[in-house]
Protein backbone atom coordinates (compact mmCIF):
# COMPACT_ATOMS: atom_id res chain seq x y z
CA MET A 1 10.96 56.47 30.83
CA GLY A 2 10.73 52.80 29.97
CA MET A 3 11.73 49.76 31.93
CA SER A 4 15.35 48.80 32.08
CA LYS A 5 16.53 45.65 30.36
CA ASN A 6 16.95 43.91 33.74
CA ASN A 7 13.40 44.83 34.82
CA LYS A 8 11.99 43.48 31.54
CA LYS A 9 13.82 40.20 32.12
CA LEU A 10 12.47 39.99 35.67
CA VAL A 11 8.90 40.63 34.51
CA PHE A 12 9.27 37.96 31.80
CA ILE A 13 10.66 35.46 34.30
CA LEU A 14 7.82 36.14 36.76
CA ILE A 15 5.14 35.78 34.06
CA PHE A 16 6.75 32.59 32.77
CA ALA A 17 6.96 31.14 36.32
CA ALA A 18 3.28 31.96 36.88
CA PHE A 19 2.41 30.23 33.59
CA LEU A 20 4.37 27.11 34.57
CA THR A 21 2.66 27.04 37.97
CA VAL A 22 -0.81 27.23 36.39
CA LEU A 23 0.12 24.55 33.86
CA TYR A 24 1.45 22.24 36.57
CA LEU A 25 -1.71 22.67 38.68
CA ALA A 26 -3.93 21.99 35.68
CA LEU A 27 -2.06 18.82 34.75
CA THR A 28 -1.86 17.39 38.26
CA ARG A 29 -5.38 18.33 39.36
CA ASP A 30 -7.62 15.35 40.11
CA LYS A 31 -10.29 15.56 37.44
CA TYR A 32 -12.52 12.88 38.97
CA SER A 33 -14.75 13.01 42.03
CA ALA A 34 -16.40 10.32 44.14
CA ASN A 35 -19.86 11.34 42.90
CA GLY A 36 -18.92 10.24 39.38
CA PHE A 37 -18.57 6.65 40.56
CA VAL A 38 -21.94 6.40 42.32
CA GLY A 39 -24.36 4.11 40.47
CA LYS A 40 -25.06 0.61 39.19
CA TRP A 41 -22.24 -0.91 37.14
CA ASN A 42 -21.41 -4.00 35.07
CA SER A 43 -17.85 -5.18 35.62
CA SER A 44 -15.64 -7.00 33.16
CA LYS A 45 -14.83 -9.43 36.00
CA LEU A 46 -18.23 -9.95 37.65
CA GLU A 47 -21.38 -11.78 36.60
CA THR A 48 -23.67 -9.61 38.74
CA PRO A 49 -23.95 -5.82 39.04
CA LEU A 50 -21.88 -3.71 41.42
CA TYR A 51 -23.68 -0.90 43.26
CA LEU A 52 -21.67 2.07 44.52
CA TYR A 53 -23.68 4.26 46.90
CA ASP A 54 -23.05 7.90 47.78
CA ASN A 55 -22.81 7.01 51.49
CA GLY A 56 -19.60 5.06 50.76
CA GLU A 57 -21.10 1.57 50.78
CA TRP A 58 -20.89 -0.90 47.92
CA GLU A 59 -22.71 -4.15 47.14
CA ILE A 60 -22.51 -6.91 44.61
CA LYS A 61 -26.03 -8.23 44.31
CA THR A 62 -28.21 -10.25 42.00
CA GLU A 63 -31.13 -8.83 40.02
CA ARG A 64 -33.39 -10.42 42.66
CA GLY A 65 -31.68 -8.34 45.34
CA THR A 66 -29.60 -11.05 47.01
CA VAL A 67 -26.41 -9.45 48.34
CA LEU A 68 -23.36 -11.56 47.49
CA GLN A 69 -20.69 -9.24 48.89
CA TYR A 70 -20.60 -5.78 50.44
CA GLY A 71 -18.30 -3.27 52.06
CA VAL A 72 -17.31 0.37 51.94
CA TRP A 73 -15.46 2.32 49.28
CA GLU A 74 -13.62 5.61 49.15
CA TYR A 75 -12.17 7.66 46.31
CA LYS A 76 -8.90 9.26 47.37
CA ASN A 77 -5.74 10.38 45.56
CA LYS A 78 -6.90 8.99 42.19
CA LYS A 79 -7.56 5.58 43.72
CA ILE A 80 -10.61 3.62 44.84
CA ILE A 81 -10.09 1.95 48.19
CA TRP A 82 -12.38 -1.02 48.74
CA SER A 83 -12.84 -2.32 52.29
CA PHE A 84 -14.63 -5.57 53.02
CA LYS A 85 -14.83 -8.22 55.67
CA ARG A 86 -13.20 -11.59 54.99
CA GLY A 87 -13.86 -13.93 57.89
CA THR A 88 -12.93 -11.99 61.00
CA GLN A 89 -10.52 -9.67 59.14
CA VAL A 90 -11.23 -6.42 57.33
CA ASP A 91 -9.31 -6.37 54.05
CA HIS A 92 -8.56 -3.45 51.76
CA ASP A 93 -8.00 -3.44 48.03
CA VAL A 94 -6.55 -0.25 46.53
CA ASN A 95 -6.97 0.29 42.78
CA SER A 96 -5.70 3.20 40.69
CA VAL A 97 -8.29 4.90 38.49
CA LEU A 98 -7.01 4.86 34.91
CA LEU A 99 -10.08 6.33 33.21
CA SER A 100 -13.41 7.74 34.29
CA THR A 101 -16.27 9.01 32.14
CA PRO A 102 -19.95 9.28 33.06
CA GLN A 103 -20.58 5.87 31.46
CA GLU A 104 -17.38 3.92 32.18
CA PHE A 105 -14.37 3.70 34.44
CA GLN A 106 -11.27 1.53 34.51
CA LEU A 107 -9.21 0.41 37.48
CA LEU A 108 -5.71 -1.01 37.65
CA GLU A 109 -5.91 -4.06 39.88
CA SER A 110 -3.16 -5.14 42.28
CA ASP A 111 -2.31 -8.01 39.88
CA ARG A 112 -1.74 -5.35 37.14
CA THR A 113 -4.85 -6.32 35.16
CA ILE A 114 -7.46 -3.74 34.17
CA THR A 115 -11.09 -3.99 35.18
CA THR A 116 -13.65 -2.02 33.19
CA PHE A 117 -16.96 -0.92 34.69
CA ARG A 118 -19.85 0.21 32.48
CA ARG A 119 -22.81 2.12 33.89
CA ILE A 120 -26.14 0.28 33.84
CA GLU A 121 -28.37 3.00 35.33
């Protein structure tokens, strides 16, 4: 005895729904991780290197080691959240990650410009 026509339709619908679920999860999965951003970077907007540390701190410092600016960073929901002190206030800058490879990443700035970072080390 084979399956009835209605059972075959139900099996097809269930398999197709499972396929769509897997496809959706694959397309919406965050393919980047915070570890991929750790390192020393040149920025298209900075004269001096940016250092992103695995403990969540960041620094902009000269080759001589003078720290020009520092704060903390976090990668969350496909965005990098920068936190830094400005006077007595703690400010936050949230930038969407547009691209990330082992050697380069791009962020969409709040003014809608794109900043490109290239790995130095």
